[in-house]
PDB file of N, CA and C in Angstrom:
ATOM      1  N   MET A   1      -1.527   3.130  18.634  1.00  0.00           N
ATOM      2  CA  MET A   1      -0.655   2.935  17.505  1.00  0.00           C
ATOM      3  C   MET A   1       0.538   2.066  17.876  1.00  0.00           C
ATOM      4  N   GLY A   2       1.074   2.279  19.062  1.00  0.00           N
ATOM      5  CA  GLY A   2       2.243   1.519  19.477  1.00  0.00           C
ATOM      6  C   GLY A   2       1.975   0.027  19.512  1.00  0.00           C
ATOM      7  N   LEU A   3       0.822  -0.347  20.042  1.00  0.00           N
ATOM      8  CA  LEU A   3       0.469  -1.770  20.104  1.00  0.00           C
ATOM      9  C   LEU A   3       0.271  -2.328  18.694  1.00  0.00           C
ATOM     10  N   ALA A   4      -0.377  -1.578  17.829  1.00  0.00           N
ATOM     11  CA  ALA A   4      -0.587  -2.022  16.447  1.00  0.00           C
ATOM     12  C   ALA A   4       0.754  -2.174  15.725  1.00  0.00           C
ATOM     13  N   GLN A   5       1.672  -1.256  15.945  1.00  0.00           N
ATOM     14  CA  GLN A   5       2.992  -1.354  15.318  1.00  0.00           C
ATOM     15  C   GLN A   5       3.754  -2.578  15.829  1.00  0.00           C
ATOM     16  N   ALA A   6       3.628  -2.851  17.121  1.00  0.00           N
ATOM     17  CA  ALA A   6       4.280  -4.040  17.681  1.00  0.00           C
ATOM     18  C   ALA A   6       3.689  -5.308  17.078  1.00  0.00           C
ATOM     19  N   ARG A   7       2.368  -5.358  16.953  1.00  0.00           N
ATOM     20  CA  ARG A   7       1.710  -6.521  16.346  1.00  0.00           C
ATOM     21  C   ARG A   7       2.143  -6.687  14.882  1.00  0.00           C
ATOM     22  N   PHE A   8       2.315  -5.562  14.187  1.00  0.00           N
ATOM     23  CA  PHE A   8       2.760  -5.626  12.790  1.00  0.00           C
ATOM     24  C   PHE A   8       4.163  -6.227  12.703  1.00  0.00           C
ATOM     25  N   ARG A   9       5.056  -5.770  13.569  1.00  0.00           N
ATOM     26  CA  ARG A   9       6.425  -6.303  13.565  1.00  0.00           C
ATOM     27  C   ARG A   9       6.442  -7.796  13.892  1.00  0.00           C
ATOM     28  N   LEU A  10       5.466  -8.235  14.668  1.00  0.00           N
ATOM     29  CA  LEU A  10       5.352  -9.662  15.007  1.00  0.00           C
ATOM     30  C   LEU A  10       4.595 -10.447  13.933  1.00  0.00           C
ATOM     31  N   LYS A  11       4.201  -9.749  12.857  1.00  0.00           N
ATOM     32  CA  LYS A  11       3.455 -10.334  11.735  1.00  0.00           C
ATOM     33  C   LYS A  11       2.092 -10.866  12.162  1.00  0.00           C
ATOM     34  N   GLU A  12       1.505 -10.217  13.142  1.00  0.00           N
ATOM     35  CA  GLU A  12       0.159 -10.555  13.603  1.00  0.00           C
ATOM     36  C   GLU A  12      -0.831  -9.613  12.912  1.00  0.00           C
ATOM     37  N   TYR A  13      -0.927  -9.769  11.602  1.00  0.00           N
ATOM     38  CA  TYR A  13      -1.682  -8.831  10.770  1.00  0.00           C
ATOM     39  C   TYR A  13      -3.174  -8.757  11.107  1.00  0.00           C
ATOM     40  N   PRO A  14      -3.841  -9.878  11.398  1.00  0.00           N
ATOM     41  CA  PRO A  14      -5.260  -9.753  11.785  1.00  0.00           C
ATOM     42  C   PRO A  14      -5.445  -8.908  13.050  1.00  0.00           C
ATOM     43  N   LYS A  15      -4.510  -8.994  13.984  1.00  0.00           N
ATOM     44  CA  LYS A  15      -4.598  -8.184  15.210  1.00  0.00           C
ATOM     45  C   LYS A  15      -4.429  -6.699  14.891  1.00  0.00           C
ATOM     46  N   VAL A  16      -3.558  -6.387  13.925  1.00  0.00           N
ATOM     47  CA  VAL A  16      -3.384  -4.997  13.501  1.00  0.00           C
ATOM     48  C   VAL A  16      -4.715  -4.477  12.976  1.00  0.00           C
ATOM     49  N   GLN A  17      -5.355  -5.268  12.126  1.00  0.00           N
ATOM     50  CA  GLN A  17      -6.648  -4.875  11.561  1.00  0.00           C
ATOM     51  C   GLN A  17      -7.667  -4.650  12.679  1.00  0.00           C
ATOM     52  N   GLU A  18      -7.717  -5.581  13.596  1.00  0.00           N
ATOM     53  CA  GLU A  18      -8.675  -5.508  14.700  1.00  0.00           C
ATOM     54  C   GLU A  18      -8.458  -4.244  15.538  1.00  0.00           C
ATOM     55  N   LEU A  19      -7.211  -3.956  15.839  1.00  0.00           N
ATOM     56  CA  LEU A  19      -6.904  -2.783  16.659  1.00  0.00           C
ATOM     57  C   LEU A  19      -7.210  -1.468  15.959  1.00  0.00           C
ATOM     58  N   LEU A  20      -6.830  -1.359  14.699  1.00  0.00           N
ATOM     59  CA  LEU A  20      -6.888  -0.062  14.030  1.00  0.00           C
ATOM     60  C   LEU A  20      -8.217   0.279  13.393  1.00  0.00           C
ATOM     61  N   THR A  21      -9.001  -0.703  13.021  1.00  0.00           N
ATOM     62  CA  THR A  21     -10.273  -0.364  12.373  1.00  0.00           C
ATOM     63  C   THR A  21     -11.191   0.407  13.319  1.00  0.00           C
ATOM     64  N   ARG A  22     -10.969   0.292  14.597  1.00  0.00           N
ATOM     65  CA  ARG A  22     -11.767   1.067  15.570  1.00  0.00           C
ATOM     66  C   ARG A  22     -11.507   2.571  15.468  1.00  0.00           C
ATOM     67  N   PHE A  23     -10.359   2.929  14.902  1.00  0.00           N
ATOM     68  CA  PHE A  23      -9.951   4.330  14.876  1.00  0.00           C
ATOM     69  C   PHE A  23     -10.095   4.980  13.506  1.00  0.00           C
ATOM     70  N   LEU A  24     -10.805   4.339  12.600  1.00  0.00           N
ATOM     71  CA  LEU A  24     -10.892   4.882  11.238  1.00  0.00           C
ATOM     72  C   LEU A  24     -11.575   6.239  11.171  1.00  0.00           C
ATOM     73  N   GLU A  25     -12.527   6.506  12.050  1.00  0.00           N
ATOM     74  CA  GLU A  25     -13.198   7.812  12.010  1.00  0.00           C
ATOM     75  C   GLU A  25     -12.206   8.942  12.240  1.00  0.00           C
ATOM     76  N   LYS A  26     -11.183   8.690  13.053  1.00  0.00           N
ATOM     77  CA  LYS A  26     -10.189   9.714  13.365  1.00  0.00           C
ATOM     78  C   LYS A  26      -8.938   9.575  12.504  1.00  0.00           C
ATOM     79  N   ALA A  27      -8.931   8.634  11.577  1.00  0.00           N
ATOM     80  CA  ALA A  27      -7.728   8.362  10.786  1.00  0.00           C
ATOM     81  C   ALA A  27      -7.388   9.482   9.824  1.00  0.00           C
ATOM     82  N   GLY A  28      -8.333  10.353   9.513  1.00  0.00           N
ATOM     83  CA  GLY A  28      -8.074  11.435   8.584  1.00  0.00           C
ATOM     84  C   GLY A  28      -6.877  12.275   8.965  1.00  0.00           C
ATOM     85  N   GLU A  29      -6.546  12.282  10.240  1.00  0.00           N
ATOM     86  CA  GLU A  29      -5.414  13.081  10.687  1.00  0.00           C
ATOM     87  C   GLU A  29      -4.179  12.247  11.050  1.00  0.00           C
ATOM     88  N   GLN A  30      -4.265  10.929  10.872  1.00  0.00           N
ATOM     89  CA  GLN A  30      -3.154  10.065  11.273  1.00  0.00           C
ATOM     90  C   GLN A  30      -2.781   9.091  10.151  1.00  0.00           C
ATOM     91  N   SER A  31      -1.740   9.417   9.419  1.00  0.00           N
ATOM     92  CA  SER A  31      -1.317   8.568   8.307  1.00  0.00           C
ATOM     93  C   SER A  31      -0.898   7.164   8.720  1.00  0.00           C
ATOM     94  N   PRO A  32      -0.314   6.949   9.901  1.00  0.00           N
ATOM     95  CA  PRO A  32       0.097   5.581  10.236  1.00  0.00           C
ATOM     96  C   PRO A  32      -1.053   4.578  10.289  1.00  0.00           C
ATOM     97  N   ILE A  33      -2.251   5.044  10.559  1.00  0.00           N
ATOM     98  CA  ILE A  33      -3.392   4.115  10.604  1.00  0.00           C
ATOM     99  C   ILE A  33      -3.628   3.525   9.220  1.00  0.00           C
ATOM    100  N   TYR A  34      -3.731   4.377   8.195  1.00  0.00           N
ATOM    101  CA  TYR A  34      -3.939   3.870   6.842  1.00  0.00           C
ATOM    102  C   TYR A  34      -2.743   3.053   6.359  1.00  0.00           C
ATOM    103  N   ASP A  35      -1.557   3.504   6.735  1.00  0.00           N
ATOM    104  CA  ASP A  35      -0.337   2.801   6.348  1.00  0.00           C
ATOM    105  C   ASP A  35      -0.345   1.375   6.907  1.00  0.00           C
ATOM    106  N   LEU A  36      -0.542   1.223   8.202  1.00  0.00           N
ATOM    107  CA  LEU A  36      -0.523  -0.112   8.813  1.00  0.00           C
ATOM    108  C   LEU A  36      -1.700  -0.976   8.373  1.00  0.00           C
ATOM    109  N   LEU A  37      -2.857  -0.373   8.203  1.00  0.00           N
ATOM    110  CA  LEU A  37      -3.997  -1.155   7.715  1.00  0.00           C
ATOM    111  C   LEU A  37      -3.729  -1.651   6.300  1.00  0.00           C
ATOM    112  N   GLY A  38      -3.151  -0.803   5.468  1.00  0.00           N
ATOM    113  CA  GLY A  38      -2.819  -1.210   4.106  1.00  0.00           C
ATOM    114  C   GLY A  38      -1.772  -2.307   4.078  1.00  0.00           C
ATOM    115  N   ARG A  39      -0.720  -2.120   4.852  1.00  0.00           N
ATOM    116  CA  ARG A  39       0.351  -3.119   4.878  1.00  0.00           C
ATOM    117  C   ARG A  39      -0.115  -4.446   5.459  1.00  0.00           C
ATOM    118  N   SER A  40      -0.898  -4.389   6.521  1.00  0.00           N
ATOM    119  CA  SER A  40      -1.366  -5.646   7.113  1.00  0.00           C
ATOM    120  C   SER A  40      -2.318  -6.358   6.155  1.00  0.00           C
ATOM    121  N   SER A  41      -3.124  -5.608   5.427  1.00  0.00           N
ATOM    122  CA  SER A  41      -3.990  -6.220   4.410  1.00  0.00           C
ATOM    123  C   SER A  41      -3.147  -6.838   3.298  1.00  0.00           C
ATOM    124  N   PHE A  42      -2.140  -6.105   2.862  1.00  0.00           N
ATOM    125  CA  PHE A  42      -1.244  -6.581   1.808  1.00  0.00           C
ATOM    126  C   PHE A  42      -0.597  -7.909   2.205  1.00  0.00           C
ATOM    127  N   PHE A  43      -0.066  -7.980   3.411  1.00  0.00           N
ATOM    128  CA  PHE A  43       0.638  -9.179   3.846  1.00  0.00           C
ATOM    129  C   PHE A  43      -0.292 -10.341   4.185  1.00  0.00           C
ATOM    130  N   GLN A  44      -1.590 -10.063   4.220  1.00  0.00           N
ATOM    131  CA  GLN A  44      -2.580 -11.136   4.350  1.00  0.00           C
ATOM    132  C   GLN A  44      -3.145 -11.515   2.983  1.00  0.00           C
ATOM    133  N   ASN A  45      -2.556 -10.941   1.931  1.00  0.00           N
ATOM    134  CA  ASN A  45      -3.014 -11.160   0.552  1.00  0.00           C
ATOM    135  C   ASN A  45      -4.446 -10.690   0.329  1.00  0.00           C
ATOM    136  N   ASP A  46      -4.881  -9.716   1.102  1.00  0.00           N
ATOM    137  CA  ASP A  46      -6.193  -9.104   0.904  1.00  0.00           C
ATOM    138  C   ASP A  46      -5.954  -7.814   0.127  1.00  0.00           C
ATOM    139  N   PHE A  47      -5.712  -7.969  -1.170  1.00  0.00           N
ATOM    140  CA  PHE A  47      -5.266  -6.861  -1.992  1.00  0.00           C
ATOM    141  C   PHE A  47      -6.349  -5.812  -2.219  1.00  0.00           C
ATOM    142  N   GLY A  48      -7.598  -6.210  -2.208  1.00  0.00           N
ATOM    143  CA  GLY A  48      -8.684  -5.237  -2.335  1.00  0.00           C
ATOM    144  C   GLY A  48      -8.674  -4.247  -1.180  1.00  0.00           C
ATOM    145  N   LYS A  49      -8.539  -4.760   0.039  1.00  0.00           N
ATOM    146  CA  LYS A  49      -8.462  -3.879   1.209  1.00  0.00           C
ATOM    147  C   LYS A  49      -7.184  -3.051   1.174  1.00  0.00           C
ATOM    148  N   ALA A  50      -6.085  -3.674   0.788  1.00  0.00           N
ATOM    149  CA  ALA A  50      -4.817  -2.946   0.719  1.00  0.00           C
ATOM    150  C   ALA A  50      -4.947  -1.762  -0.234  1.00  0.00           C
ATOM    151  N   ILE A  51      -5.543  -1.990  -1.387  1.00  0.00           N
ATOM    152  CA  ILE A  51      -5.748  -0.922  -2.365  1.00  0.00           C
ATOM    153  C   ILE A  51      -6.559   0.202  -1.745  1.00  0.00           C
ATOM    154  N   TYR A  52      -7.629  -0.151  -1.065  1.00  0.00           N
ATOM    155  CA  TYR A  52      -8.496   0.847  -0.426  1.00  0.00           C
ATOM    156  C   TYR A  52      -7.695   1.713   0.552  1.00  0.00           C
ATOM    157  N   TYR A  53      -6.955   1.067   1.455  1.00  0.00           N
ATOM    158  CA  TYR A  53      -6.225   1.818   2.474  1.00  0.00           C
ATOM    159  C   TYR A  53      -5.064   2.617   1.889  1.00  0.00           C
ATOM    160  N   PHE A  54      -4.368   2.054   0.920  1.00  0.00           N
ATOM    161  CA  PHE A  54      -3.264   2.802   0.304  1.00  0.00           C
ATOM    162  C   PHE A  54      -3.799   4.015  -0.456  1.00  0.00           C
ATOM    163  N   LYS A  55      -4.929   3.863  -1.137  1.00  0.00           N
ATOM    164  CA  LYS A  55      -5.528   5.015  -1.835  1.00  0.00           C
ATOM    165  C   LYS A  55      -5.939   6.092  -0.838  1.00  0.00           C
ATOM    166  N   LYS A  56      -6.520   5.663   0.277  1.00  0.00           N
ATOM    167  CA  LYS A  56      -6.910   6.620   1.321  1.00  0.00           C
ATOM    168  C   LYS A  56      -5.685   7.369   1.834  1.00  0.00           C
ATOM    169  N   TYR A  57      -4.626   6.633   2.081  1.00  0.00           N
ATOM    170  CA  TYR A  57      -3.390   7.256   2.550  1.00  0.00           C
ATOM    171  C   TYR A  57      -2.940   8.324   1.557  1.00  0.00           C
ATOM    172  N   LEU A  58      -2.825   7.950   0.297  1.00  0.00           N
ATOM    173  CA  LEU A  58      -2.314   8.874  -0.716  1.00  0.00           C
ATOM    174  C   LEU A  58      -3.230  10.079  -0.907  1.00  0.00           C
ATOM    175  N   SER A  59      -4.537   9.874  -0.821  1.00  0.00           N
ATOM    176  CA  SER A  59      -5.452  11.007  -1.008  1.00  0.00           C
ATOM    177  C   SER A  59      -5.419  11.966   0.181  1.00  0.00           C
ATOM    178  N   HIS A  60      -5.170  11.460   1.368  1.00  0.00           N
ATOM    179  CA  HIS A  60      -5.124  12.306   2.560  1.00  0.00           C
ATOM    180  C   HIS A  60      -3.758  12.954   2.798  1.00  0.00           C
ATOM    181  N   PHE A  61      -2.688  12.237   2.461  1.00  0.00           N
ATOM    182  CA  PHE A  61      -1.374  12.682   2.907  1.00  0.00           C
ATOM    183  C   PHE A  61      -0.387  12.937   1.783  1.00  0.00           C
ATOM    184  N   GLY A  62      -0.799  12.757   0.546  1.00  0.00           N
ATOM    185  CA  GLY A  62       0.083  13.028  -0.573  1.00  0.00           C
ATOM    186  C   GLY A  62       0.972  11.847  -0.917  1.00  0.00           C
ATOM    187  N   THR A  63       1.860  12.081  -1.838  1.00  0.00           N
ATOM    188  CA  THR A  63       2.677  11.020  -2.403  1.00  0.00           C
ATOM    189  C   THR A  63       3.723  10.516  -1.415  1.00  0.00           C
ATOM    190  N   ASN A  64       3.793   9.226  -1.327  1.00  0.00           N
ATOM    191  CA  ASN A  64       4.815   8.510  -0.567  1.00  0.00           C
ATOM    192  C   ASN A  64       5.215   7.355  -1.476  1.00  0.00           C
ATOM    193  N   LEU A  65       6.452   7.324  -1.928  1.00  0.00           N
ATOM    194  CA  LEU A  65       6.867   6.323  -2.912  1.00  0.00           C
ATOM    195  C   LEU A  65       6.665   4.896  -2.432  1.00  0.00           C
ATOM    196  N   GLU A  66       6.948   4.640  -1.193  1.00  0.00           N
ATOM    197  CA  GLU A  66       6.779   3.283  -0.678  1.00  0.00           C
ATOM    198  C   GLU A  66       5.310   2.857  -0.730  1.00  0.00           C
ATOM    199  N   ILE A  67       4.427   3.747  -0.328  1.00  0.00           N
ATOM    200  CA  ILE A  67       2.988   3.453  -0.373  1.00  0.00           C
ATOM    201  C   ILE A  67       2.530   3.324  -1.825  1.00  0.00           C
ATOM    202  N   LEU A  68       2.992   4.218  -2.691  1.00  0.00           N
ATOM    203  CA  LEU A  68       2.629   4.159  -4.105  1.00  0.00           C
ATOM    204  C   LEU A  68       3.067   2.833  -4.726  1.00  0.00           C
ATOM    205  N   ASN A  69       4.262   2.370  -4.392  1.00  0.00           N
ATOM    206  CA  ASN A  69       4.750   1.097  -4.924  1.00  0.00           C
ATOM    207  C   ASN A  69       3.984  -0.091  -4.347  1.00  0.00           C
ATOM    208  N   LEU A  70       3.601  -0.006  -3.078  1.00  0.00           N
ATOM    209  CA  LEU A  70       2.760  -1.065  -2.495  1.00  0.00           C
ATOM    210  C   LEU A  70       1.375  -1.068  -3.132  1.00  0.00           C
ATOM    211  N   LEU A  71       0.860   0.120  -3.437  1.00  0.00           N
ATOM    212  CA  LEU A  71      -0.422   0.206  -4.138  1.00  0.00           C
ATOM    213  C   LEU A  71      -0.313  -0.455  -5.501  1.00  0.00           C
ATOM    214  N   ALA A  72       0.751  -0.156  -6.228  1.00  0.00           N
ATOM    215  CA  ALA A  72       0.953  -0.757  -7.551  1.00  0.00           C
ATOM    216  C   ALA A  72       1.056  -2.274  -7.441  1.00  0.00           C
ATOM    217  N   GLU A  73       1.807  -2.759  -6.467  1.00  0.00           N
ATOM    218  CA  GLU A  73       1.944  -4.204  -6.275  1.00  0.00           C
ATOM    219  C   GLU A  73       0.602  -4.834  -5.902  1.00  0.00           C
ATOM    220  N   SER A  74      -0.186  -4.131  -5.111  1.00  0.00           N
ATOM    221  CA  SER A  74      -1.523  -4.618  -4.752  1.00  0.00           C
ATOM    222  C   SER A  74      -2.407  -4.718  -5.995  1.00  0.00           C
ATOM    223  N   PHE A  75      -2.370  -3.683  -6.828  1.00  0.00           N
ATOM    224  CA  PHE A  75      -3.120  -3.725  -8.085  1.00  0.00           C
ATOM    225  C   PHE A  75      -2.675  -4.927  -8.917  1.00  0.00           C
ATOM    226  N   TYR A  76      -1.373  -5.102  -9.018  1.00  0.00           N
ATOM    227  CA  TYR A  76      -0.830  -6.205  -9.815  1.00  0.00           C
ATOM    228  C   TYR A  76      -1.316  -7.556  -9.281  1.00  0.00           C
ATOM    229  N   GLN A  77      -1.201  -7.744  -7.994  1.00  0.00           N
ATOM    230  CA  GLN A  77      -1.612  -9.010  -7.383  1.00  0.00           C
ATOM    231  C   GLN A  77      -3.118  -9.246  -7.504  1.00  0.00           C
ATOM    232  N   ALA A  78      -3.885  -8.156  -7.558  1.00  0.00           N
ATOM    233  CA  ALA A  78      -5.337  -8.253  -7.700  1.00  0.00           C
ATOM    234  C   ALA A  78      -5.758  -8.437  -9.158  1.00  0.00           C
ATOM    235  N   GLY A  79      -4.777  -8.457 -10.070  1.00  0.00           N
ATOM    236  CA  GLY A  79      -5.087  -8.640 -11.484  1.00  0.00           C
ATOM    237  C   GLY A  79      -5.458  -7.360 -12.202  1.00  0.00           C
ATOM    238  N   GLU A  80      -5.276  -6.232 -11.567  1.00  0.00           N
ATOM    239  CA  GLU A  80      -5.605  -4.942 -12.163  1.00  0.00           C
ATOM    240  C   GLU A  80      -4.337  -4.360 -12.788  1.00  0.00           C
ATOM    241  N   ARG A  81      -3.963  -4.919 -13.932  1.00  0.00           N
ATOM    242  CA  ARG A  81      -2.686  -4.625 -14.563  1.00  0.00           C
ATOM    243  C   ARG A  81      -2.551  -3.164 -15.016  1.00  0.00           C
ATOM    244  N   GLU A  82      -3.582  -2.585 -15.575  1.00  0.00           N
ATOM    245  CA  GLU A  82      -3.492  -1.192 -16.043  1.00  0.00           C
ATOM    246  C   GLU A  82      -3.263  -0.232 -14.881  1.00  0.00           C
ATOM    247  N   GLU A  83      -3.945  -0.483 -13.769  1.00  0.00           N
ATOM    248  CA  GLU A  83      -3.772   0.367 -12.598  1.00  0.00           C
ATOM    249  C   GLU A  83      -2.360   0.211 -12.036  1.00  0.00           C
ATOM    250  N   ALA A  84      -1.849  -1.025 -12.028  1.00  0.00           N
ATOM    251  CA  ALA A  84      -0.477  -1.270 -11.571  1.00  0.00           C
ATOM    252  C   ALA A  84       0.511  -0.528 -12.454  1.00  0.00           C
ATOM    253  N   ARG A  85       0.319  -0.638 -13.748  1.00  0.00           N
ATOM    254  CA  ARG A  85       1.198   0.043 -14.706  1.00  0.00           C
ATOM    255  C   ARG A  85       1.200   1.553 -14.456  1.00  0.00           C
ATOM    256  N   SER A  86       0.033   2.120 -14.289  1.00  0.00           N
ATOM    257  CA  SER A  86      -0.087   3.555 -14.064  1.00  0.00           C
ATOM    258  C   SER A  86       0.617   3.983 -12.773  1.00  0.00           C
ATOM    259  N   ALA A  87       0.426   3.225 -11.702  1.00  0.00           N
ATOM    260  CA  ALA A  87       1.048   3.579 -10.425  1.00  0.00           C
ATOM    261  C   ALA A  87       2.567   3.450 -10.494  1.00  0.00           C
ATOM    262  N   TRP A  88       3.062   2.385 -11.130  1.00  0.00           N
ATOM    263  CA  TRP A  88       4.516   2.231 -11.250  1.00  0.00           C
ATOM    264  C   TRP A  88       5.117   3.319 -12.128  1.00  0.00           C
ATOM    265  N   LYS A  89       4.412   3.708 -13.206  1.00  0.00           N
ATOM    266  CA  LYS A  89       4.908   4.799 -14.056  1.00  0.00           C
ATOM    267  C   LYS A  89       5.000   6.099 -13.268  1.00  0.00           C
ATOM    268  N   LYS A  90       3.964   6.366 -12.484  1.00  0.00           N
ATOM    269  CA  LYS A  90       3.971   7.583 -11.667  1.00  0.00           C
ATOM    270  C   LYS A  90       5.135   7.547 -10.678  1.00  0.00           C
ATOM    271  N   SER A  91       5.364   6.393 -10.074  1.00  0.00           N
ATOM    272  CA  SER A  91       6.468   6.247  -9.131  1.00  0.00           C
ATOM    273  C   SER A  91       7.807   6.540  -9.805  1.00  0.00           C
ATOM    274  N   LEU A  92       7.987   6.026 -11.012  1.00  0.00           N
ATOM    275  CA  LEU A  92       9.238   6.253 -11.738  1.00  0.00           C
ATOM    276  C   LEU A  92       9.385   7.699 -12.210  1.00  0.00           C
ATOM    277  N   GLU A  93       8.268   8.366 -12.466  1.00  0.00           N
ATOM    278  CA  GLU A  93       8.331   9.785 -12.810  1.00  0.00           C
ATOM    279  C   GLU A  93       8.852  10.595 -11.623  1.00  0.00           C
ATOM    280  N   ILE A  94       8.425  10.200 -10.436  1.00  0.00           N
ATOM    281  CA  ILE A  94       8.834  10.910  -9.224  1.00  0.00           C
ATOM    282  C   ILE A  94      10.292  10.600  -8.884  1.00  0.00           C
ATOM    283  N   GLU A  95      10.645   9.324  -8.954  1.00  0.00           N
ATOM    284  CA  GLU A  95      12.013   8.889  -8.636  1.00  0.00           C
ATOM    285  C   GLU A  95      12.452   7.857  -9.667  1.00  0.00           C
ATOM    286  N   PRO A  96      13.149   8.302 -10.708  1.00  0.00           N
ATOM    287  CA  PRO A  96      13.515   7.396 -11.800  1.00  0.00           C
ATOM    288  C   PRO A  96      14.557   6.336 -11.448  1.00  0.00           C
ATOM    289  N   HIS A  97      15.260   6.480 -10.345  1.00  0.00           N
ATOM    290  CA  HIS A  97      16.339   5.544  -9.998  1.00  0.00           C
ATOM    291  C   HIS A  97      15.840   4.400  -9.116  1.00  0.00           C
ATOM    292  N   GLN A  98      14.783   3.745  -9.535  1.00  0.00           N
ATOM    293  CA  GLN A  98      14.236   2.591  -8.822  1.00  0.00           C
ATOM    294  C   GLN A  98      14.287   1.400  -9.780  1.00  0.00           C
ATOM    295  N   GLU A  99      15.408   0.742  -9.809  1.00  0.00           N
ATOM    296  CA  GLU A  99      15.599  -0.329 -10.789  1.00  0.00           C
ATOM    297  C   GLU A  99      14.624  -1.488 -10.604  1.00  0.00           C
ATOM    298  N   ASP A 100      14.315  -1.826  -9.363  1.00  0.00           N
ATOM    299  CA  ASP A 100      13.374  -2.930  -9.135  1.00  0.00           C
ATOM    300  C   ASP A 100      11.988  -2.595  -9.675  1.00  0.00           C
ATOM    301  N   ILE A 101      11.581  -1.345  -9.532  1.00  0.00           N
ATOM    302  CA  ILE A 101      10.274  -0.916 -10.054  1.00  0.00           C
ATOM    303  C   ILE A 101      10.325  -0.877 -11.578  1.00  0.00           C
ATOM    304  N   ARG A 102      11.405  -0.387 -12.128  1.00  0.00           N
ATOM    305  CA  ARG A 102      11.567  -0.353 -13.592  1.00  0.00           C
ATOM    306  C   ARG A 102      11.457  -1.769 -14.168  1.00  0.00           C
ATOM    307  N   LYS A 103      12.088  -2.743 -13.517  1.00  0.00           N
ATOM    308  CA  LYS A 103      12.032  -4.137 -13.984  1.00  0.00           C
ATOM    309  C   LYS A 103      10.612  -4.691 -13.914  1.00  0.00           C
ATOM    310  N   LYS A 104       9.899  -4.363 -12.846  1.00  0.00           N
ATOM    311  CA  LYS A 104       8.509  -4.821 -12.721  1.00  0.00           C
ATOM    312  C   LYS A 104       7.651  -4.229 -13.836  1.00  0.00           C
ATOM    313  N   LEU A 105       7.842  -2.955 -14.104  1.00  0.00           N
ATOM    314  CA  LEU A 105       7.079  -2.291 -15.155  1.00  0.00           C
ATOM    315  C   LEU A 105       7.413  -2.870 -16.521  1.00  0.00           C
ATOM    316  N   GLU A 106       8.671  -3.093 -16.790  1.00  0.00           N
ATOM    317  CA  GLU A 106       9.076  -3.683 -18.078  1.00  0.00           C
ATOM    318  C   GLU A 106       8.489  -5.084 -18.251  1.00  0.00           C
ATOM    319  N   ALA A 107       8.512  -5.881 -17.184  1.00  0.00           N
ATOM    320  CA  ALA A 107       7.935  -7.233 -17.256  1.00  0.00           C
ATOM    321  C   ALA A 107       6.430  -7.161 -17.493  1.00  0.00           C
ATOM    322  N   LEU A 108       5.771  -6.220 -16.844  1.00  0.00           N
ATOM    323  CA  LEU A 108       4.327  -6.050 -17.014  1.00  0.00           C
ATOM    324  C   LEU A 108       4.007  -5.633 -18.449  1.00  0.00           C
ATOM    325  N   GLU A 109       4.784  -4.744 -18.999  1.00  0.00           N
ATOM    326  CA  GLU A 109       4.527  -4.243 -20.343  1.00  0.00           C
ATOM    327  C   GLU A 109       4.811  -5.303 -21.418  1.00  0.00           C
ATOM    328  N   LYS A 110       5.629  -6.303 -21.106  1.00  0.00           N
ATOM    329  CA  LYS A 110       5.885  -7.381 -22.050  1.00  0.00           C
ATOM    330  C   LYS A 110       4.713  -8.346 -22.155  1.00  0.00           C
ATOM    331  N   ASN A 111       3.900  -8.384 -21.112  1.00  0.00           N
ATOM    332  CA  ASN A 111       2.758  -9.327 -21.108  1.00  0.00           C
ATOM    333  C   ASN A 111       1.547  -8.753 -21.737  1.00  0.00           C
TER     334      ASN A 111
END
């Protein structure tokens, strides 16, 4: 994990993917694996993979607002507007004082 985190900080996202995909069988007990795989996919604009890993994270470890918002942004970037809307609404239900998320949701609902 330490090496993968260092590679992530260096923005070497393909290396993060390469390192961590070997450990997916054991990832059920380690949230950072899904987190880093999702984030590295997101920053490579591979939103389909990001969605997969963020959903896995949330289903295994429960709600995390940062992950939920990244999932919503991934849905949005992938063109899945209804899913993005739903995730952002859920995020605002949990923590209503997120003005940047509120603005994204309002802009989405105008389109």
